[in-house]
Amino acid sequence: MKIALLSEKYTPDIGGLAISTERIARLLSSAGCDVRVFSPTLNLPASETRTLPSNEISVTRFGAHKRADDTLVDWFEIIVEEHKREPFDVLHGYFLPQAGFVATYAGKYLNVPSVVSIRGNDIERAAFDPSKFSHVMNALENASAVTTNASELARKAKAFIDREIFLIPNGVDTERFKPMERNEALAEALGISSPRTKVQGYASEAPAGLKYASASFVNQPDGSPSGVPVIGFVGELREKKGMMTILSACAKVNKTHPSTLLVVGEVRQGEDRQAFDEFHSVNPDLRIIVTGHISHTDLPAYYSLMDVFVHPSLRDGMPNALLEAMACEKPVIATPVGGIGKAIKDSENGFIVPVNDAEALSKTIIRLLEDESLRSRLGKSARESVQNNFTLQKEMDANLKVYKTIGVNP
């Protein structure tokens, strides 16, 4: 079976969409499918196209235009030309407005079945954008099959169109993301466990042998060899992910429980970065480390440093980072948005707090920091939940089943 997988992001791009697209590409390839990935990039001149093998998967990147419609035209024409050369059996668009639209339009044009996958913001935000709404609706109406990773997203899509939507939760590689000893070398390099570390500003280079970008170190206190408690977040810190809730909660926690907020990723530039800097300027005692972009393969070492993992999103699908933290046996705190409520059972394998509630988040963090046995119990239960419900095998099998449903067999 030859699959054209279309996505607006692909590794090494930043974000959950890039990670999820690479994961499904690898899974389908491991099942014997011939997978071709097509994704725009800002790292090439407009319309320039390059195709390179990546982990036995052919990846075609093409330069995006300033105008989205010009990019979509190129995307469509690339798919049409590649189909003429080596016909596809199915076109699969990851994310509705662009990838999904091109996949369904090209599928109709070429008489090839198409699948579109709802990932989160494509139905929660893009559907409210007049410039993207028609693309969202076209993808939902004309795809041979529609999938999503969260039942709440399916419910929202069905408010636009009454059709079957297949639920396929994200999977996690539990052999890569698993409990491990705290990486003390990394902790020391980041300034978490080193006593009397007081560095202002940004480090421009990573220590030899360690992979992290610019890190912000703020007033690290005198510490024991094990360091102060670490509250962790993974991903791009921004408004949608509950940035102000995280910052406010950690500031409250720090008043009675000196701790470090470890942001494994970046703060989104623009308004989010400005809000972050302003908050930090009026809360100078809040200890924060922002690592910069970290390769997905290097994340387990960073999870090992965390005592508590927080993910208080305002909106979300099925966050990769949440499932990874759970697989690493970290006690997690999140909000009941998107598919998170299906992954976390409050007080059983993690804690659920209300959206935009810094007070509730801070109290829950403190409760976990003060109770090691509770952290251990929740962490073990979290990993067990992932092993039972969010495996790579389940994700792969579910996608192959959808293909069979529309008449495409491996």
Protein backbone atom coordinates (compact mmCIF):
# COMPACT_ATOMS: atom_id res chain seq x y z
CA MET A 1 0.00 0.00 0.00
CA LYS A 2 1.42 3.37 -1.03
CA ILE A 3 0.44 6.23 1.27
CA ALA A 4 0.87 9.96 0.74
CA LEU A 5 0.99 11.51 4.22
CA LEU A 6 0.43 15.27 4.19
CA SER A 7 1.19 17.42 7.21
CA GLU A 8 1.91 21.08 7.87
CA LYS A 9 4.76 20.04 10.19
CA TYR A 10 7.32 17.26 10.22
CA THR A 11 10.49 16.70 12.23
CA PRO A 12 12.73 18.55 12.87
CA ASP A 13 9.89 21.12 13.05
CA ILE A 14 8.77 22.01 16.58
CA GLY A 15 5.50 20.83 18.08
CA GLY A 16 3.19 17.92 18.70
CA LEU A 17 1.94 17.81 15.11
CA ALA A 18 5.46 17.19 13.79
CA ILE A 19 6.08 14.50 16.41
CA SER A 20 2.76 12.76 15.73
CA THR A 21 3.22 12.83 11.96
CA GLU A 22 6.66 11.28 12.18
CA ARG A 23 5.36 8.65 14.61
CA ILE A 24 2.49 7.54 12.36
CA ALA A 25 4.78 7.56 9.32
CA ARG A 26 7.18 5.22 11.09
CA LEU A 27 4.38 2.98 12.35
CA LEU A 28 2.84 2.59 8.90
CA SER A 29 6.25 1.96 7.38
CA SER A 30 6.92 -0.75 9.99
CA ALA A 31 3.64 -2.39 8.93
CA GLY A 32 4.99 -2.74 5.39
CA CYS A 33 3.39 0.36 3.86
CA ASP A 34 5.26 2.55 1.41
CA VAL A 35 4.96 5.98 3.07
CA ARG A 36 5.70 9.29 1.32
CA VAL A 37 5.56 12.41 3.48
CA PHE A 38 4.82 15.83 1.94
CA SER A 39 5.23 18.91 4.10
CA PRO A 40 5.91 22.64 3.50
CA THR A 41 8.84 24.36 5.18
CA LEU A 42 10.14 27.87 5.66
CA ASN A 43 13.71 26.58 5.38
CA LEU A 44 13.55 26.38 1.58
CA PRO A 45 12.90 29.11 -1.00
CA ALA A 46 9.27 29.27 -2.13
CA SER A 47 8.37 26.40 -4.49
CA GLU A 48 11.77 24.70 -4.17
CA THR A 49 11.34 20.97 -3.52
CA ARG A 50 13.68 18.46 -1.91
CA THR A 51 13.08 14.78 -1.27
CA LEU A 52 15.30 12.91 1.15
CA PRO A 53 15.06 9.55 2.93
CA SER A 54 14.43 9.81 6.67
CA ASN A 55 14.46 6.56 8.64
CA GLU A 56 13.43 4.60 5.52
CA ILE A 57 10.62 7.07 4.81
CA SER A 58 10.72 9.34 1.79
CA VAL A 59 10.16 12.93 2.96
CA THR A 60 9.43 15.70 0.46
CA ARG A 61 9.75 19.24 1.82
CA PHE A 62 8.86 22.23 -0.32
CA GLY A 63 9.31 25.93 0.27
CA ALA A 64 6.22 27.69 1.61
CA HIS A 65 5.03 31.00 0.16
CA LYS A 66 4.04 34.09 2.12
CA ARG A 67 0.51 33.57 0.82
CA ALA A 68 -1.08 30.36 2.08
CA ASP A 69 -3.07 29.85 -1.12
CA ASP A 70 0.14 29.76 -3.19
CA THR A 71 1.53 27.11 -0.84
CA LEU A 72 -1.65 25.03 -1.23
CA VAL A 73 -1.43 25.24 -5.02
CA ASP A 74 2.14 23.92 -4.93
CA TRP A 75 1.15 21.16 -2.51
CA PHE A 76 -1.73 20.03 -4.72
CA GLU A 77 0.41 20.02 -7.87
CA ILE A 78 3.21 18.07 -6.19
CA ILE A 79 0.76 15.37 -5.11
CA VAL A 80 -0.76 15.19 -8.60
CA GLU A 81 2.64 14.87 -10.29
CA GLU A 82 3.88 12.26 -7.84
CA HIS A 83 0.69 10.26 -8.30
CA LYS A 84 1.26 10.23 -12.06
CA ARG A 85 4.76 8.92 -11.52
CA GLU A 86 3.94 6.32 -8.84
CA PRO A 87 0.20 6.11 -8.00
CA PHE A 88 -0.90 6.39 -4.38
CA ASP A 89 -3.46 4.07 -2.82
CA VAL A 90 -4.56 6.61 -0.20
CA LEU A 91 -3.95 10.26 0.66
CA HIS A 92 -3.84 10.99 4.39
CA GLY A 93 -3.98 14.59 5.60
CA TYR A 94 -2.89 15.33 9.18
CA PHE A 95 -4.61 18.58 10.30
CA LEU A 96 -7.72 19.88 8.54
CA PRO A 97 -7.29 23.39 7.06
CA GLN A 98 -4.27 22.83 4.82
CA ALA A 99 -3.10 19.20 4.77
CA GLY A 100 -6.64 17.85 5.07
CA PHE A 101 -8.00 20.18 2.41
CA VAL A 102 -5.26 19.31 -0.11
CA ALA A 103 -5.59 15.58 0.62
CA THR A 104 -9.36 15.55 0.05
CA TYR A 105 -9.26 17.83 -2.98
CA ALA A 106 -6.46 15.86 -4.60
CA GLY A 107 -8.23 12.63 -3.68
CA LYS A 108 -11.40 13.71 -5.45
CA TYR A 109 -9.42 14.96 -8.44
CA LEU A 110 -7.35 11.77 -8.75
CA ASN A 111 -10.13 9.39 -7.69
CA VAL A 112 -8.03 8.19 -4.74
CA PRO A 113 -9.46 7.56 -1.24
CA SER A 114 -8.54 10.16 1.38
CA VAL A 115 -8.33 10.22 5.16
CA VAL A 116 -8.13 13.37 7.28
CA SER A 117 -7.10 13.46 10.92
CA ILE A 118 -8.34 16.10 13.38
CA ARG A 119 -5.53 16.97 15.78
CA GLY A 120 -6.78 19.84 17.96
CA ASN A 121 -6.46 23.46 16.89
CA ASP A 122 -7.73 22.56 13.43
CA ILE A 123 -11.26 22.14 14.82
CA GLU A 124 -10.98 24.27 17.97
CA ARG A 125 -9.55 27.44 16.41
CA ALA A 126 -9.27 27.18 12.62
CA ALA A 127 -12.99 26.52 12.32
CA PHE A 128 -13.57 30.04 13.70
CA ASP A 129 -11.24 31.65 11.18
CA PRO A 130 -13.25 32.79 8.13
CA SER A 131 -10.21 32.31 5.88
CA LYS A 132 -9.87 28.64 6.94
CA PHE A 133 -13.46 27.59 7.61
CA SER A 134 -14.22 26.54 4.02
CA HIS A 135 -11.11 24.36 3.96
CA VAL A 136 -12.10 22.75 7.26
CA MET A 137 -15.59 22.00 5.99
CA ASN A 138 -14.35 20.72 2.63
CA ALA A 139 -12.04 18.28 4.36
CA LEU A 140 -14.76 17.06 6.75
CA GLU A 141 -17.34 16.67 3.99
CA ASN A 142 -15.24 15.08 1.26
CA ALA A 143 -12.75 12.81 3.02
CA SER A 144 -13.37 9.09 2.64
CA ALA A 145 -12.77 8.78 6.39
CA VAL A 146 -12.15 11.14 9.30
CA THR A 147 -10.12 10.29 12.40
CA THR A 148 -9.26 12.14 15.60
CA ASN A 149 -7.28 11.50 18.76
CA ALA A 150 -9.90 12.72 21.25
CA SER A 151 -13.64 12.11 21.60
CA GLU A 152 -14.22 15.77 22.48
CA LEU A 153 -12.75 16.80 19.13
CA ALA A 154 -15.02 14.30 17.38
CA ARG A 155 -18.01 15.83 19.15
CA LYS A 156 -17.03 19.30 17.96
CA ALA A 157 -16.55 18.10 14.38
CA LYS A 158 -19.97 16.44 14.42
CA ALA A 159 -21.48 19.80 15.27
CA PHE A 160 -20.45 20.79 11.74
CA ILE A 161 -21.23 17.56 9.93
CA ASP A 162 -22.99 14.38 11.00
CA ARG A 163 -20.67 11.58 9.89
CA GLU A 164 -18.67 8.75 11.43
CA ILE A 165 -15.40 9.84 13.00
CA PHE A 166 -12.89 7.20 14.06
CA LEU A 167 -11.22 7.68 17.46
CA ILE A 168 -7.50 6.83 17.41
CA PRO A 169 -5.65 7.98 20.56
CA ASN A 170 -1.96 8.83 20.32
CA GLY A 171 0.49 6.08 21.10
CA VAL A 172 3.72 6.20 23.13
CA ASP A 173 6.93 4.24 22.76
CA THR A 174 7.09 2.86 26.30
CA GLU A 175 10.52 1.35 25.68
CA ARG A 176 11.95 4.82 25.06
CA PHE A 177 9.76 6.69 27.54
CA LYS A 178 10.12 4.76 30.76
CA PRO A 179 11.22 5.27 34.37
CA MET A 180 14.92 6.01 34.65
CA GLU A 181 17.39 7.25 37.22
CA ARG A 182 17.70 11.00 37.50
CA ASN A 183 20.30 12.19 35.00
CA GLU A 184 22.59 14.01 37.41
CA ALA A 185 25.01 15.15 34.70
CA LEU A 186 22.16 16.90 32.91
CA ALA A 187 20.83 18.31 36.18
CA GLU A 188 24.22 19.76 36.98
CA ALA A 189 24.62 21.19 33.48
CA LEU A 190 21.22 22.88 33.77
CA GLY A 191 22.09 24.28 37.19
CA ILE A 192 19.36 22.36 38.99
CA SER A 193 21.48 20.44 41.47
CA SER A 194 24.64 22.53 41.66
CA PRO A 195 24.87 24.53 44.91
CA ARG A 196 25.25 28.32 44.83
CA THR A 197 24.35 28.62 41.17
CA LYS A 198 23.36 32.22 40.48
CA VAL A 199 23.34 33.04 36.82
CA GLN A 200 21.31 35.78 35.22
CA GLY A 201 20.31 35.84 31.56
CA TYR A 202 20.78 33.21 28.89
CA ALA A 203 23.46 30.66 28.23
CA SER A 204 24.38 30.74 24.57
CA GLU A 205 25.97 27.31 24.26
CA ALA A 206 25.24 23.86 25.66
CA PRO A 207 27.93 22.06 27.66
CA ALA A 208 29.88 19.50 25.66
CA GLY A 209 28.02 16.23 25.28
CA LEU A 210 24.64 17.67 26.25
CA LYS A 211 21.95 18.71 23.83
CA TYR A 212 20.00 21.76 24.84
CA ALA A 213 19.73 25.24 23.50
CA SER A 214 19.69 28.54 25.37
CA ALA A 215 18.78 28.05 29.02
CA SER A 216 17.62 30.75 31.39
CA PHE A 217 18.94 30.37 34.92
CA VAL A 218 17.38 32.49 37.64
CA ASN A 219 18.67 32.70 41.21
CA GLN A 220 19.21 29.01 41.92
CA PRO A 221 19.39 28.55 45.70
CA ASP A 222 21.96 26.68 47.70
CA GLY A 223 21.16 23.04 47.01
CA SER A 224 21.76 19.52 48.16
CA PRO A 225 23.23 16.95 45.75
CA SER A 226 19.72 15.99 44.72
CA GLY A 227 18.78 19.61 44.04
CA VAL A 228 15.55 21.48 44.69
CA PRO A 229 12.21 20.03 43.50
CA VAL A 230 11.58 20.36 39.78
CA ILE A 231 8.19 21.20 38.26
CA GLY A 232 8.28 20.24 34.61
CA PHE A 233 6.57 21.30 31.40
CA VAL A 234 7.42 19.97 27.93
CA GLY A 235 6.58 21.70 24.66
CA GLU A 236 6.13 25.23 23.42
CA LEU A 237 5.05 27.35 26.37
CA ARG A 238 2.23 29.64 25.23
CA GLU A 239 -1.20 30.93 26.14
CA LYS A 240 -3.04 27.86 24.84
CA LYS A 241 -0.93 25.57 27.03
CA GLY A 242 -1.83 27.54 30.15
CA MET A 243 1.39 29.56 30.38
CA MET A 244 0.09 32.17 32.83
CA THR A 245 -1.52 29.48 34.97
CA ILE A 246 1.80 27.64 35.18
CA LEU A 247 3.79 30.77 35.98
CA SER A 248 1.32 32.02 38.60
CA ALA A 249 1.05 28.61 40.25
CA CYS A 250 4.82 28.13 40.41
CA ALA A 251 5.24 31.60 41.90
CA LYS A 252 2.76 30.63 44.63
CA VAL A 253 4.51 27.31 45.24
CA ASN A 254 7.91 28.97 45.43
CA LYS A 255 6.86 31.09 48.41
CA THR A 256 6.73 28.05 50.69
CA HIS A 257 8.47 25.34 48.67
CA PRO A 258 11.55 26.64 46.81
CA SER A 259 11.53 24.85 43.48
CA THR A 260 12.54 25.12 39.84
CA LEU A 261 10.23 25.39 36.85
CA LEU A 262 11.85 23.44 34.02
CA VAL A 263 10.43 24.31 30.60
CA VAL A 264 11.74 21.71 28.16
CA GLY A 265 11.13 23.61 24.96
CA GLU A 266 10.66 27.25 24.05
CA VAL A 267 8.43 30.17 24.90
CA ARG A 268 6.48 31.19 21.80
CA GLN A 269 7.75 34.45 20.36
CA GLY A 270 5.53 37.52 20.20
CA GLU A 271 2.82 38.24 22.75
CA ASP A 272 3.50 35.06 24.73
CA ARG A 273 7.19 35.87 25.07
CA GLN A 274 6.37 39.41 26.11
CA ALA A 275 3.91 38.22 28.75
CA PHE A 276 6.47 35.69 30.00
CA ASP A 277 9.19 38.33 30.33
CA GLU A 278 6.85 40.77 32.06
CA PHE A 279 5.75 38.15 34.58
CA HIS A 280 9.35 37.18 35.21
CA SER A 281 10.39 40.79 35.77
CA VAL A 282 7.86 41.21 38.59
CA ASN A 283 8.60 37.74 40.03
CA PRO A 284 12.42 37.73 40.06
CA ASP A 285 12.64 34.98 42.68
CA LEU A 286 10.82 32.47 40.50
CA ARG A 287 13.41 29.95 39.38
CA ILE A 288 12.94 29.09 35.71
CA ILE A 289 14.99 27.15 33.18
CA VAL A 290 13.95 27.34 29.53
CA THR A 291 16.00 24.81 27.58
CA GLY A 292 15.18 25.80 24.03
CA HIS A 293 14.27 23.16 21.45
CA ILE A 294 15.19 19.61 22.48
CA SER A 295 15.24 16.67 20.10
CA HIS A 296 12.39 14.26 20.79
CA THR A 297 14.88 11.41 21.19
CA ASP A 298 16.58 13.29 24.04
CA LEU A 299 13.43 13.99 26.06
CA PRO A 300 13.55 10.97 28.44
CA ALA A 301 16.62 12.38 30.20
CA TYR A 302 14.74 15.63 30.86
CA TYR A 303 11.66 13.82 32.18
CA SER A 304 13.98 12.07 34.64
CA LEU A 305 14.67 15.42 36.32
CA MET A 306 11.02 16.20 37.08
CA ASP A 307 9.32 15.63 40.42
CA VAL A 308 5.95 16.82 39.09
CA PHE A 309 4.77 17.29 35.50
CA VAL A 310 2.15 19.96 34.71
CA HIS A 311 0.07 20.47 31.57
CA PRO A 312 -2.82 22.89 32.35
CA SER A 313 -3.94 23.55 28.78
CA LEU A 314 -6.85 25.81 27.90
CA ARG A 315 -7.55 23.67 24.81
CA ASP A 316 -5.90 20.51 23.57
CA GLY A 317 -6.21 17.24 21.71
CA MET A 318 -4.28 14.29 23.13
CA PRO A 319 -0.93 15.82 24.21
CA ASN A 320 2.14 13.73 23.41
CA ALA A 321 4.03 15.25 26.33
CA LEU A 322 1.37 14.25 28.83
CA LEU A 323 1.44 10.62 27.71
CA GLU A 324 5.24 10.59 27.65
CA ALA A 325 5.43 11.91 31.20
CA MET A 326 2.93 9.27 32.30
CA ALA A 327 4.99 6.57 30.58
CA CYS A 328 8.02 7.83 32.51
CA GLU A 329 6.07 7.32 35.78
CA LYS A 330 5.81 11.01 36.54
CA PRO A 331 2.91 12.29 38.65
CA VAL A 332 0.97 14.53 36.28
CA ILE A 333 -1.42 17.45 36.75
CA ALA A 334 -3.56 18.59 33.84
CA THR A 335 -6.88 20.15 32.88
CA PRO A 336 -9.95 18.25 31.60
CA VAL A 337 -9.75 19.50 28.00
CA GLY A 338 -9.66 17.57 24.73
CA GLY A 339 -8.65 13.96 25.29
CA ILE A 340 -6.90 14.56 28.61
CA GLY A 341 -9.93 13.47 30.60
CA LYS A 342 -9.76 10.08 28.88
CA ALA A 343 -6.11 9.66 29.82
CA ILE A 344 -6.23 10.86 33.43
CA LYS A 345 -8.56 9.59 36.09
CA ASP A 346 -8.42 12.14 38.88
CA SER A 347 -6.58 10.89 41.99
CA GLU A 348 -6.00 7.49 40.32
CA ASN A 349 -3.22 8.07 37.79
CA GLY A 350 -2.82 11.85 38.07
CA PHE A 351 -4.70 14.96 39.09
CA ILE A 352 -7.20 17.08 37.17
CA VAL A 353 -7.50 20.79 38.02
CA PRO A 354 -9.88 23.40 36.57
CA VAL A 355 -8.82 25.45 33.56
CA ASN A 356 -7.17 28.78 34.39
CA ASP A 357 -7.02 27.99 38.12
CA ALA A 358 -3.54 28.81 39.37
CA GLU A 359 -4.61 28.41 42.99
CA ALA A 360 -5.82 24.83 42.45
CA LEU A 361 -2.71 24.01 40.45
CA SER A 362 -0.36 25.38 43.11
CA LYS A 363 -2.12 23.50 45.92
CA THR A 364 -1.96 20.25 43.93
CA ILE A 365 1.73 20.75 43.17
CA ILE A 366 2.46 21.34 46.85
CA ARG A 367 0.48 18.26 47.82
CA LEU A 368 2.60 16.16 45.49
CA LEU A 369 5.89 17.72 46.54
CA GLU A 370 5.08 16.93 50.18
CA ASP A 371 4.07 13.32 49.58
CA GLU A 372 6.66 11.08 47.97
CA SER A 373 4.50 7.95 48.30
CA LEU A 374 1.63 9.70 46.49
CA ARG A 375 3.98 10.73 43.68
CA SER A 376 5.18 7.15 43.36
CA ARG A 377 1.68 5.64 43.39
CA LEU A 378 0.32 8.02 40.79
CA GLY A 379 3.39 7.62 38.60
CA LYS A 380 3.18 3.84 38.54
CA SER A 381 -0.54 3.97 37.82
CA ALA A 382 0.08 6.49 35.04
CA ARG A 383 2.56 4.24 33.28
CA GLU A 384 0.21 1.28 33.60
CA SER A 385 -2.56 3.35 31.98
CA VAL A 386 -0.32 4.18 29.03
CA GLN A 387 0.76 0.56 28.61
CA ASN A 388 -2.87 -0.55 28.57
CA ASN A 389 -4.43 2.17 26.44
CA PHE A 390 -1.92 4.26 24.51
CA THR A 391 0.48 1.91 22.79
CA LEU A 392 2.09 2.28 19.38
CA GLN A 393 0.58 -1.06 18.33
CA LYS A 394 -2.95 0.15 19.08
CA GLU A 395 -2.38 3.38 17.14
CA MET A 396 -0.98 1.53 14.14
CA ASP A 397 -3.68 -1.13 14.09
CA ALA A 398 -6.44 1.48 14.33
CA ASN A 399 -5.10 3.42 11.34
CA LEU A 400 -4.76 0.28 9.24
CA LYS A 401 -8.33 -0.64 10.15
CA VAL A 402 -9.54 2.75 8.89
CA TYR A 403 -7.76 2.17 5.59
CA LYS A 404 -9.46 -1.22 5.25
CA THR A 405 -12.81 0.42 6.01
CA ILE A 406 -12.47 2.59 2.88
CA GLY A 407 -11.31 -0.34 0.75
CA VAL A 408 -7.52 0.08 0.99
CA ASN A 409 -5.58 -2.95 2.20
CA PRO A 410 -1.88 -3.24 3.12
